[in-house]
Amino acid sequence: MSYDKVRASQTIIGTKQAVKAMQAGSVKELFVALDADNWVTDSAISFAREIGIPIILVESKKELGKACGIHVGAAVVAIAVE
């Protein structure tokens, strides 16, 4: 499952941080929660598409945050290049 990949990887949490990391070329995948507001996720999704980073959609921002080890939801999580 997608959440397992997040648990086992170095993550960058949040839209702004994910976009900055993509600009720096240090992201290999982007996870986006389907229950997040579009105004929160659109900039990261657009930029990921523009530069060819795969986007994985997951059901829940609560579960995505949990997979990252935080106690709040996460709308956007980037997997860092190792």
PDB file of N, CA and C in Angstrom:
ATOM      1  N   MET A   1       0.839  -1.195   0.000  1.00  0.00           N
ATOM      2  CA  MET A   1       0.000   0.000   0.000  1.00  0.00           C
ATOM      3  C   MET A   1       0.878   1.250   0.000  1.00  0.00           C
ATOM      4  N   SER A   2       0.347   2.322  -0.477  1.00  0.00           N
ATOM      5  CA  SER A   2       1.085   3.572  -0.621  1.00  0.00           C
ATOM      6  C   SER A   2       1.579   4.119   0.710  1.00  0.00           C
ATOM      7  N   TYR A   3       0.794   3.948   1.758  1.00  0.00           N
ATOM      8  CA  TYR A   3       1.197   4.483   3.051  1.00  0.00           C
ATOM      9  C   TYR A   3       2.485   3.813   3.547  1.00  0.00           C
ATOM     10  N   ASP A   4       2.669   2.530   3.212  1.00  0.00           N
ATOM     11  CA  ASP A   4       3.877   1.817   3.625  1.00  0.00           C
ATOM     12  C   ASP A   4       5.121   2.436   3.002  1.00  0.00           C
ATOM     13  N   LYS A   5       5.026   2.870   1.764  1.00  0.00           N
ATOM     14  CA  LYS A   5       6.152   3.513   1.095  1.00  0.00           C
ATOM     15  C   LYS A   5       6.512   4.818   1.816  1.00  0.00           C
ATOM     16  N   VAL A   6       5.507   5.542   2.277  1.00  0.00           N
ATOM     17  CA  VAL A   6       5.746   6.789   3.011  1.00  0.00           C
ATOM     18  C   VAL A   6       6.440   6.488   4.338  1.00  0.00           C
ATOM     19  N   ARG A   7       5.970   5.451   5.027  1.00  0.00           N
ATOM     20  CA  ARG A   7       6.560   5.090   6.326  1.00  0.00           C
ATOM     21  C   ARG A   7       8.047   4.747   6.197  1.00  0.00           C
ATOM     22  N   ALA A   8       8.425   4.135   5.082  1.00  0.00           N
ATOM     23  CA  ALA A   8       9.785   3.629   4.917  1.00  0.00           C
ATOM     24  C   ALA A   8      10.724   4.629   4.243  1.00  0.00           C
ATOM     25  N   SER A   9      10.275   5.847   4.016  1.00  0.00           N
ATOM     26  CA  SER A   9      11.076   6.810   3.263  1.00  0.00           C
ATOM     27  C   SER A   9      11.307   8.092   4.045  1.00  0.00           C
ATOM     28  N   GLN A  10      12.285   8.852   3.573  1.00  0.00           N
ATOM     29  CA  GLN A  10      12.501  10.198   4.109  1.00  0.00           C
ATOM     30  C   GLN A  10      11.466  11.104   3.455  1.00  0.00           C
ATOM     31  N   THR A  11      10.697  11.818   4.260  1.00  0.00           N
ATOM     32  CA  THR A  11       9.584  12.603   3.728  1.00  0.00           C
ATOM     33  C   THR A  11       9.771  14.099   3.920  1.00  0.00           C
ATOM     34  N   ILE A  12       9.089  14.830   3.054  1.00  0.00           N
ATOM     35  CA  ILE A  12       9.001  16.284   3.137  1.00  0.00           C
ATOM     36  C   ILE A  12       7.514  16.579   3.232  1.00  0.00           C
ATOM     37  N   ILE A  13       7.090  17.138   4.343  1.00  0.00           N
ATOM     38  CA  ILE A  13       5.670  17.285   4.628  1.00  0.00           C
ATOM     39  C   ILE A  13       5.203  18.712   4.357  1.00  0.00           C
ATOM     40  N   GLY A  14       4.097  18.835   3.639  1.00  0.00           N
ATOM     41  CA  GLY A  14       3.489  20.132   3.384  1.00  0.00           C
ATOM     42  C   GLY A  14       3.687  20.603   1.954  1.00  0.00           C
ATOM     43  N   THR A  15       2.733  21.381   1.479  1.00  0.00           N
ATOM     44  CA  THR A  15       2.748  21.855   0.099  1.00  0.00           C
ATOM     45  C   THR A  15       3.947  22.754  -0.182  1.00  0.00           C
ATOM     46  N   LYS A  16       4.147  23.767   0.643  1.00  0.00           N
ATOM     47  CA  LYS A  16       5.244  24.712   0.402  1.00  0.00           C
ATOM     48  C   LYS A  16       6.600  24.015   0.436  1.00  0.00           C
ATOM     49  N   GLN A  17       6.798  23.158   1.408  1.00  0.00           N
ATOM     50  CA  GLN A  17       8.061  22.460   1.532  1.00  0.00           C
ATOM     51  C   GLN A  17       8.267  21.493   0.367  1.00  0.00           C
ATOM     52  N   ALA A  18       7.197  20.843  -0.073  1.00  0.00           N
ATOM     53  CA  ALA A  18       7.297  19.903  -1.197  1.00  0.00           C
ATOM     54  C   ALA A  18       7.660  20.643  -2.482  1.00  0.00           C
ATOM     55  N   VAL A  19       7.034  21.788  -2.714  1.00  0.00           N
ATOM     56  CA  VAL A  19       7.343  22.572  -3.914  1.00  0.00           C
ATOM     57  C   VAL A  19       8.802  23.041  -3.875  1.00  0.00           C
ATOM     58  N   LYS A  20       9.261  23.516  -2.730  1.00  0.00           N
ATOM     59  CA  LYS A  20      10.660  23.941  -2.605  1.00  0.00           C
ATOM     60  C   LYS A  20      11.610  22.780  -2.891  1.00  0.00           C
ATOM     61  N   ALA A  21      11.291  21.613  -2.357  1.00  0.00           N
ATOM     62  CA  ALA A  21      12.142  20.439  -2.579  1.00  0.00           C
ATOM     63  C   ALA A  21      12.118  20.013  -4.049  1.00  0.00           C
ATOM     64  N   MET A  22      10.961  20.117  -4.704  1.00  0.00           N
ATOM     65  CA  MET A  22      10.891  19.799  -6.133  1.00  0.00           C
ATOM     66  C   MET A  22      11.724  20.781  -6.942  1.00  0.00           C
ATOM     67  N   GLN A  23      11.684  22.051  -6.577  1.00  0.00           N
ATOM     68  CA  GLN A  23      12.495  23.064  -7.263  1.00  0.00           C
ATOM     69  C   GLN A  23      13.984  22.762  -7.109  1.00  0.00           C
ATOM     70  N   ALA A  24      14.354  22.191  -5.977  1.00  0.00           N
ATOM     71  CA  ALA A  24      15.752  21.846  -5.712  1.00  0.00           C
ATOM     72  C   ALA A  24      16.144  20.512  -6.348  1.00  0.00           C
ATOM     73  N   GLY A  25      15.166  19.802  -6.908  1.00  0.00           N
ATOM     74  CA  GLY A  25      15.456  18.528  -7.552  1.00  0.00           C
ATOM     75  C   GLY A  25      15.656  17.376  -6.602  1.00  0.00           C
ATOM     76  N   SER A  26      15.080  17.470  -5.407  1.00  0.00           N
ATOM     77  CA  SER A  26      15.310  16.423  -4.413  1.00  0.00           C
ATOM     78  C   SER A  26      14.066  15.606  -4.073  1.00  0.00           C
ATOM     79  N   VAL A  27      13.135  15.494  -5.035  1.00  0.00           N
ATOM     80  CA  VAL A  27      11.904  14.718  -4.821  1.00  0.00           C
ATOM     81  C   VAL A  27      11.775  13.666  -5.912  1.00  0.00           C
ATOM     82  N   LYS A  28      11.408  12.436  -5.499  1.00  0.00           N
ATOM     83  CA  LYS A  28      11.192  11.393  -6.507  1.00  0.00           C
ATOM     84  C   LYS A  28       9.724  11.026  -6.675  1.00  0.00           C
ATOM     85  N   GLU A  29       8.883  11.275  -5.670  1.00  0.00           N
ATOM     86  CA  GLU A  29       7.443  11.003  -5.761  1.00  0.00           C
ATOM     87  C   GLU A  29       6.694  11.997  -4.889  1.00  0.00           C
ATOM     88  N   LEU A  30       5.431  12.238  -5.256  1.00  0.00           N
ATOM     89  CA  LEU A  30       4.585  13.144  -4.493  1.00  0.00           C
ATOM     90  C   LEU A  30       3.302  12.413  -4.114  1.00  0.00           C
ATOM     91  N   PHE A  31       2.967  12.429  -2.841  1.00  0.00           N
ATOM     92  CA  PHE A  31       1.732  11.824  -2.346  1.00  0.00           C
ATOM     93  C   PHE A  31       0.752  12.943  -2.015  1.00  0.00           C
ATOM     94  N   VAL A  32      -0.481  12.806  -2.489  1.00  0.00           N
ATOM     95  CA  VAL A  32      -1.509  13.820  -2.285  1.00  0.00           C
ATOM     96  C   VAL A  32      -2.764  13.146  -1.749  1.00  0.00           C
ATOM     97  N   ALA A  33      -3.311  13.691  -0.671  1.00  0.00           N
ATOM     98  CA  ALA A  33      -4.534  13.162  -0.074  1.00  0.00           C
ATOM     99  C   ALA A  33      -5.753  13.666  -0.846  1.00  0.00           C
ATOM    100  N   LEU A  34      -6.631  12.746  -1.197  1.00  0.00           N
ATOM    101  CA  LEU A  34      -7.829  13.094  -1.956  1.00  0.00           C
ATOM    102  C   LEU A  34      -8.815  13.934  -1.149  1.00  0.00           C
ATOM    103  N   ASP A  35      -8.777  13.834   0.170  1.00  0.00           N
ATOM    104  CA  ASP A  35      -9.726  14.599   0.984  1.00  0.00           C
ATOM    105  C   ASP A  35      -9.190  15.988   1.366  1.00  0.00           C
ATOM    106  N   ALA A  36      -8.057  16.372   0.805  1.00  0.00           N
ATOM    107  CA  ALA A  36      -7.507  17.713   1.051  1.00  0.00           C
ATOM    108  C   ALA A  36      -8.166  18.714   0.107  1.00  0.00           C
ATOM    109  N   ASP A  37      -8.208  19.972   0.528  1.00  0.00           N
ATOM    110  CA  ASP A  37      -8.775  21.031  -0.312  1.00  0.00           C
ATOM    111  C   ASP A  37      -7.881  21.265  -1.530  1.00  0.00           C
ATOM    112  N   ASN A  38      -8.505  21.488  -2.679  1.00  0.00           N
ATOM    113  CA  ASN A  38      -7.762  21.711  -3.915  1.00  0.00           C
ATOM    114  C   ASN A  38      -6.846  22.921  -3.828  1.00  0.00           C
ATOM    115  N   TRP A  39      -7.279  23.965  -3.145  1.00  0.00           N
ATOM    116  CA  TRP A  39      -6.442  25.167  -3.063  1.00  0.00           C
ATOM    117  C   TRP A  39      -5.140  24.896  -2.311  1.00  0.00           C
ATOM    118  N   VAL A  40      -5.120  23.856  -1.507  1.00  0.00           N
ATOM    119  CA  VAL A  40      -3.913  23.476  -0.778  1.00  0.00           C
ATOM    120  C   VAL A  40      -2.980  22.646  -1.663  1.00  0.00           C
ATOM    121  N   THR A  41      -3.538  21.778  -2.467  1.00  0.00           N
ATOM    122  CA  THR A  41      -2.731  20.805  -3.199  1.00  0.00           C
ATOM    123  C   THR A  41      -2.410  21.186  -4.646  1.00  0.00           C
ATOM    124  N   ASP A  42      -3.186  22.071  -5.240  1.00  0.00           N
ATOM    125  CA  ASP A  42      -3.056  22.351  -6.680  1.00  0.00           C
ATOM    126  C   ASP A  42      -1.669  22.804  -7.108  1.00  0.00           C
ATOM    127  N   SER A  43      -1.023  23.660  -6.348  1.00  0.00           N
ATOM    128  CA  SER A  43       0.294  24.162  -6.764  1.00  0.00           C
ATOM    129  C   SER A  43       1.331  23.040  -6.804  1.00  0.00           C
ATOM    130  N   ALA A  44       1.283  22.154  -5.834  1.00  0.00           N
ATOM    131  CA  ALA A  44       2.234  21.038  -5.806  1.00  0.00           C
ATOM    132  C   ALA A  44       1.953  20.054  -6.942  1.00  0.00           C
ATOM    133  N   ILE A  45       0.673  19.770  -7.178  1.00  0.00           N
ATOM    134  CA  ILE A  45       0.319  18.847  -8.258  1.00  0.00           C
ATOM    135  C   ILE A  45       0.728  19.423  -9.610  1.00  0.00           C
ATOM    136  N   SER A  46       0.442  20.672  -9.842  1.00  0.00           N
ATOM    137  CA  SER A  46       0.784  21.311 -11.120  1.00  0.00           C
ATOM    138  C   SER A  46       2.284  21.288 -11.365  1.00  0.00           C
ATOM    139  N   PHE A  47       3.049  21.632 -10.349  1.00  0.00           N
ATOM    140  CA  PHE A  47       4.497  21.663 -10.521  1.00  0.00           C
ATOM    141  C   PHE A  47       5.062  20.261 -10.727  1.00  0.00           C
ATOM    142  N   ALA A  48       4.546  19.284  -9.993  1.00  0.00           N
ATOM    143  CA  ALA A  48       5.002  17.902 -10.164  1.00  0.00           C
ATOM    144  C   ALA A  48       4.726  17.414 -11.588  1.00  0.00           C
ATOM    145  N   ARG A  49       3.552  17.716 -12.110  1.00  0.00           N
ATOM    146  CA  ARG A  49       3.229  17.338 -13.496  1.00  0.00           C
ATOM    147  C   ARG A  49       4.162  18.026 -14.476  1.00  0.00           C
ATOM    148  N   GLU A  50       4.431  19.293 -14.227  1.00  0.00           N
ATOM    149  CA  GLU A  50       5.280  20.091 -15.112  1.00  0.00           C
ATOM    150  C   GLU A  50       6.694  19.508 -15.225  1.00  0.00           C
ATOM    151  N   ILE A  51       7.226  19.027 -14.098  1.00  0.00           N
ATOM    152  CA  ILE A  51       8.597  18.522 -14.126  1.00  0.00           C
ATOM    153  C   ILE A  51       8.681  16.995 -14.165  1.00  0.00           C
ATOM    154  N   GLY A  52       7.540  16.322 -14.258  1.00  0.00           N
ATOM    155  CA  GLY A  52       7.525  14.872 -14.464  1.00  0.00           C
ATOM    156  C   GLY A  52       7.718  14.014 -13.233  1.00  0.00           C
ATOM    157  N   ILE A  53       7.316  14.508 -12.082  1.00  0.00           N
ATOM    158  CA  ILE A  53       7.395  13.706 -10.858  1.00  0.00           C
ATOM    159  C   ILE A  53       6.090  12.927 -10.708  1.00  0.00           C
ATOM    160  N   PRO A  54       6.182  11.607 -10.453  1.00  0.00           N
ATOM    161  CA  PRO A  54       4.966  10.808 -10.278  1.00  0.00           C
ATOM    162  C   PRO A  54       4.140  11.275  -9.082  1.00  0.00           C
ATOM    163  N   ILE A  55       2.817  11.285  -9.266  1.00  0.00           N
ATOM    164  CA  ILE A  55       1.884  11.697  -8.216  1.00  0.00           C
ATOM    165  C   ILE A  55       1.068  10.482  -7.810  1.00  0.00           C
ATOM    166  N   ILE A  56       1.072  10.180  -6.521  1.00  0.00           N
ATOM    167  CA  ILE A  56       0.293   9.066  -5.987  1.00  0.00           C
ATOM    168  C   ILE A  56      -0.819   9.662  -5.135  1.00  0.00           C
ATOM    169  N   LEU A  57      -2.047   9.309  -5.467  1.00  0.00           N
ATOM    170  CA  LEU A  57      -3.201   9.797  -4.716  1.00  0.00           C
ATOM    171  C   LEU A  57      -3.554   8.791  -3.636  1.00  0.00           C
ATOM    172  N   VAL A  58      -3.764   9.290  -2.418  1.00  0.00           N
ATOM    173  CA  VAL A  58      -4.174   8.455  -1.294  1.00  0.00           C
ATOM    174  C   VAL A  58      -5.484   8.988  -0.734  1.00  0.00           C
ATOM    175  N   GLU A  59      -6.198   8.161  -0.032  1.00  0.00           N
ATOM    176  CA  GLU A  59      -7.544   8.496   0.424  1.00  0.00           C
ATOM    177  C   GLU A  59      -7.609   9.563   1.512  1.00  0.00           C
ATOM    178  N   SER A  60      -6.696   9.495   2.475  1.00  0.00           N
ATOM    179  CA  SER A  60      -6.903  10.263   3.703  1.00  0.00           C
ATOM    180  C   SER A  60      -5.683  11.071   4.123  1.00  0.00           C
ATOM    181  N   LYS A  61      -5.889  12.357   4.383  1.00  0.00           N
ATOM    182  CA  LYS A  61      -4.783  13.170   4.904  1.00  0.00           C
ATOM    183  C   LYS A  61      -4.442  12.767   6.333  1.00  0.00           C
ATOM    184  N   LYS A  62      -5.415  12.292   7.081  1.00  0.00           N
ATOM    185  CA  LYS A  62      -5.153  11.822   8.436  1.00  0.00           C
ATOM    186  C   LYS A  62      -4.207  10.616   8.397  1.00  0.00           C
ATOM    187  N   GLU A  63      -4.487   9.664   7.518  1.00  0.00           N
ATOM    188  CA  GLU A  63      -3.638   8.475   7.389  1.00  0.00           C
ATOM    189  C   GLU A  63      -2.269   8.827   6.810  1.00  0.00           C
ATOM    190  N   LEU A  64      -2.229   9.795   5.902  1.00  0.00           N
ATOM    191  CA  LEU A  64      -0.955  10.222   5.326  1.00  0.00           C
ATOM    192  C   LEU A  64      -0.077  10.868   6.401  1.00  0.00           C
ATOM    193  N   GLY A  65      -0.681  11.699   7.236  1.00  0.00           N
ATOM    194  CA  GLY A  65       0.055  12.286   8.356  1.00  0.00           C
ATOM    195  C   GLY A  65       0.546  11.226   9.325  1.00  0.00           C
ATOM    196  N   LYS A  66      -0.308  10.261   9.607  1.00  0.00           N
ATOM    197  CA  LYS A  66       0.048   9.164  10.504  1.00  0.00           C
ATOM    198  C   LYS A  66       1.231   8.372   9.945  1.00  0.00           C
ATOM    199  N   ALA A  67       1.225   8.137   8.638  1.00  0.00           N
ATOM    200  CA  ALA A  67       2.323   7.410   7.993  1.00  0.00           C
ATOM    201  C   ALA A  67       3.635   8.179   8.086  1.00  0.00           C
ATOM    202  N   CYS A  68       3.546   9.496   8.188  1.00  0.00           N
ATOM    203  CA  CYS A  68       4.744  10.338   8.327  1.00  0.00           C
ATOM    204  C   CYS A  68       5.198  10.460   9.773  1.00  0.00           C
ATOM    205  N   GLY A  69       4.392   9.946  10.691  1.00  0.00           N
ATOM    206  CA  GLY A  69       4.746  10.003  12.100  1.00  0.00           C
ATOM    207  C   GLY A  69       4.335  11.292  12.781  1.00  0.00           C
ATOM    208  N   ILE A  70       3.354  12.002  12.198  1.00  0.00           N
ATOM    209  CA  ILE A  70       2.856  13.219  12.844  1.00  0.00           C
ATOM    210  C   ILE A  70       1.420  12.983  13.304  1.00  0.00           C
ATOM    211  N   HIS A  71       0.960  13.806  14.215  1.00  0.00           N
ATOM    212  CA  HIS A  71      -0.361  13.602  14.816  1.00  0.00           C
ATOM    213  C   HIS A  71      -1.444  14.462  14.194  1.00  0.00           C
ATOM    214  N   VAL A  72      -1.160  15.063  13.062  1.00  0.00           N
ATOM    215  CA  VAL A  72      -2.152  15.843  12.315  1.00  0.00           C
ATOM    216  C   VAL A  72      -2.161  15.347  10.876  1.00  0.00           C
ATOM    217  N   GLY A  73      -3.150  15.759  10.134  1.00  0.00           N
ATOM    218  CA  GLY A  73      -3.238  15.351   8.739  1.00  0.00           C
ATOM    219  C   GLY A  73      -2.179  16.018   7.875  1.00  0.00           C
ATOM    220  N   ALA A  74      -1.867  15.367   6.760  1.00  0.00           N
ATOM    221  CA  ALA A  74      -0.925  15.926   5.793  1.00  0.00           C
ATOM    222  C   ALA A  74      -1.571  15.848   4.417  1.00  0.00           C
ATOM    223  N   ALA A  75      -1.739  16.993   3.777  1.00  0.00           N
ATOM    224  CA  ALA A  75      -2.357  17.028   2.443  1.00  0.00           C
ATOM    225  C   ALA A  75      -1.384  16.607   1.364  1.00  0.00           C
ATOM    226  N   VAL A  76      -0.121  17.023   1.499  1.00  0.00           N
ATOM    227  CA  VAL A  76       0.915  16.743   0.500  1.00  0.00           C
ATOM    228  C   VAL A  76       2.178  16.265   1.221  1.00  0.00           C
ATOM    229  N   VAL A  77       2.724  15.153   0.709  1.00  0.00           N
ATOM    230  CA  VAL A  77       3.984  14.632   1.230  1.00  0.00           C
ATOM    231  C   VAL A  77       4.859  14.241   0.042  1.00  0.00           C
ATOM    232  N   ALA A  78       6.088  14.706   0.064  1.00  0.00           N
ATOM    233  CA  ALA A  78       7.040  14.349  -0.987  1.00  0.00           C
ATOM    234  C   ALA A  78       8.024  13.326  -0.436  1.00  0.00           C
ATOM    235  N   ILE A  79       8.395  12.390  -1.290  1.00  0.00           N
ATOM    236  CA  ILE A  79       9.420  11.407  -0.937  1.00  0.00           C
ATOM    237  C   ILE A  79      10.757  11.938  -1.461  1.00  0.00           C
ATOM    238  N   ALA A  80      11.705  12.095  -0.561  1.00  0.00           N
ATOM    239  CA  ALA A  80      12.993  12.674  -0.925  1.00  0.00           C
ATOM    240  C   ALA A  80      13.859  11.656  -1.665  1.00  0.00           C
ATOM    241  N   VAL A  81      14.643  12.174  -2.603  1.00  0.00           N
ATOM    242  CA  VAL A  81      15.627  11.359  -3.294  1.00  0.00           C
ATOM    243  C   VAL A  81      16.702  10.978  -2.272  1.00  0.00           C
ATOM    244  N   GLU A  82      17.068   9.731  -2.265  1.00  0.00           N
ATOM    245  CA  GLU A  82      18.065   9.277  -1.274  1.00  0.00           C
ATOM    246  C   GLU A  82      19.452   9.280  -1.854  1.00  0.00           C
TER     247      GLU A  82
END
